[in-house]
């Protein structure tokens, strides 16, 4: 049986790592699981690396952020503020996961 550390390293090698800064300037690493196109917008599905490293058995939850532009025209990831938009994107992600499982 492969130990947990090797599985985590394999996961990180399989997915790109995205580093995001919070409001306090702290860096957080995320595995980029997928990109979604919904109604002309791009969304990133990310899994926090630190949650995959935790020893407890709980499944880490992915987050979904929208790709947008900052005031300088640079790409940035932002929270989805609109509930209806969130539902559409979450449904698209669930559909993608179900298709992958089949």
Protein backbone atom coordinates (compact mmCIF):
# COMPACT_ATOMS: atom_id res chain seq x y z
CA UNK A 1 0.00 0.00 0.00
CA UNK A 2 1.31 3.44 -0.92
CA UNK A 3 1.61 5.86 1.95
CA UNK A 4 -0.41 9.07 2.11
CA UNK A 5 2.54 11.36 1.35
CA UNK A 6 3.27 9.65 -1.98
CA UNK A 7 -0.39 9.98 -2.98
CA UNK A 8 -0.36 13.70 -2.14
CA UNK A 9 2.83 14.21 -4.14
CA UNK A 10 1.30 12.40 -7.10
CA UNK A 11 -1.83 14.57 -6.85
CA UNK A 12 0.25 17.74 -6.81
CA UNK A 13 2.26 16.54 -9.82
CA UNK A 14 -0.95 15.78 -11.74
CA UNK A 15 -2.52 19.21 -11.18
CA UNK A 16 -1.11 22.71 -11.63
CA UNK A 17 -0.55 24.61 -8.40
CA UNK A 18 -2.08 28.09 -8.15
CA UNK A 19 -0.91 30.47 -5.40
CA UNK A 20 -3.44 33.06 -4.23
CA UNK A 21 -2.97 35.87 -1.71
CA UNK A 22 -5.64 36.66 0.87
CA UNK A 23 -6.53 40.15 2.14
CA UNK A 24 -3.69 40.02 4.69
CA UNK A 25 -1.13 39.12 2.00
CA UNK A 26 -0.80 35.47 3.11
CA UNK A 27 -0.14 32.98 0.32
CA UNK A 28 -2.34 29.89 -0.08
CA UNK A 29 -1.68 27.03 -2.51
CA UNK A 30 -4.44 25.38 -4.50
CA UNK A 31 -4.49 22.50 -6.97
CA UNK A 32 -6.19 23.53 -10.22
CA UNK A 33 -8.65 20.67 -10.77
CA UNK A 34 -10.51 22.02 -13.80
CA UNK A 35 -11.55 25.04 -15.81
CA UNK A 36 -15.18 25.55 -16.78
CA UNK A 37 -16.77 27.70 -19.47
CA UNK A 38 -20.28 28.81 -18.52
CA UNK A 39 -22.17 31.40 -20.55
CA UNK A 40 -18.98 32.94 -21.93
CA UNK A 41 -17.12 33.21 -18.63
CA UNK A 42 -14.24 31.06 -17.36
CA UNK A 43 -14.18 29.56 -13.88
CA UNK A 44 -11.40 27.69 -12.05
CA UNK A 45 -12.15 24.77 -9.72
CA UNK A 46 -9.47 24.75 -7.03
CA UNK A 47 -8.69 22.45 -4.11
CA UNK A 48 -6.72 23.89 -1.16
CA UNK A 49 -3.41 22.00 -0.88
CA UNK A 50 -3.31 22.40 2.92
CA UNK A 51 -6.69 20.63 3.24
CA UNK A 52 -5.43 17.64 1.23
CA UNK A 53 -2.49 17.38 3.64
CA UNK A 54 -4.68 17.21 6.77
CA UNK A 55 -4.72 13.83 8.48
CA UNK A 56 -8.45 13.72 9.24
CA UNK A 57 -10.71 11.66 6.99
CA UNK A 58 -12.96 14.53 5.91
CA UNK A 59 -13.04 15.16 2.18
CA UNK A 60 -11.55 18.54 1.25
CA UNK A 61 -13.99 20.88 -0.50
CA UNK A 62 -13.16 22.48 -3.82
CA UNK A 63 -13.78 26.16 -4.40
CA UNK A 64 -14.82 27.82 -7.64
CA UNK A 65 -13.52 31.25 -8.64
CA UNK A 66 -14.29 33.36 -11.70
CA UNK A 67 -11.52 34.50 -14.03
CA UNK A 68 -11.73 38.26 -14.48
CA UNK A 69 -9.54 41.32 -14.96
CA UNK A 70 -8.19 43.74 -12.36
CA UNK A 71 -7.97 47.51 -12.82
CA UNK A 72 -4.71 47.07 -14.81
CA UNK A 73 -6.24 44.54 -17.19
CA UNK A 74 -4.36 41.64 -15.60
CA UNK A 75 -6.06 38.26 -15.13
CA UNK A 76 -7.26 37.59 -11.61
CA UNK A 77 -9.50 35.09 -9.83
CA UNK A 78 -12.49 36.50 -7.96
CA UNK A 79 -15.38 35.27 -5.86
CA UNK A 80 -18.72 34.65 -7.55
CA UNK A 81 -21.07 37.21 -5.99
CA UNK A 82 -24.32 36.39 -7.82
CA UNK A 83 -26.29 33.41 -6.41
CA UNK A 84 -27.83 32.52 -9.78
CA UNK A 85 -24.41 32.55 -11.46
CA UNK A 86 -23.00 30.42 -8.61
CA UNK A 87 -25.77 27.82 -9.06
CA UNK A 88 -25.13 27.54 -12.82
CA UNK A 89 -21.40 27.06 -12.33
CA UNK A 90 -21.83 24.58 -9.44
CA UNK A 91 -24.28 22.57 -11.57
CA UNK A 92 -21.81 22.54 -14.48
CA UNK A 93 -19.05 21.29 -12.14
CA UNK A 94 -21.30 18.55 -10.73
CA UNK A 95 -22.20 17.48 -14.26
CA UNK A 96 -18.51 17.37 -15.20
CA UNK A 97 -17.70 15.23 -12.14
CA UNK A 98 -20.55 12.81 -12.86
CA UNK A 99 -19.41 12.38 -16.48
CA UNK A 100 -15.85 11.72 -15.30
CA UNK A 101 -17.04 9.02 -12.89
CA UNK A 102 -18.90 7.13 -15.64
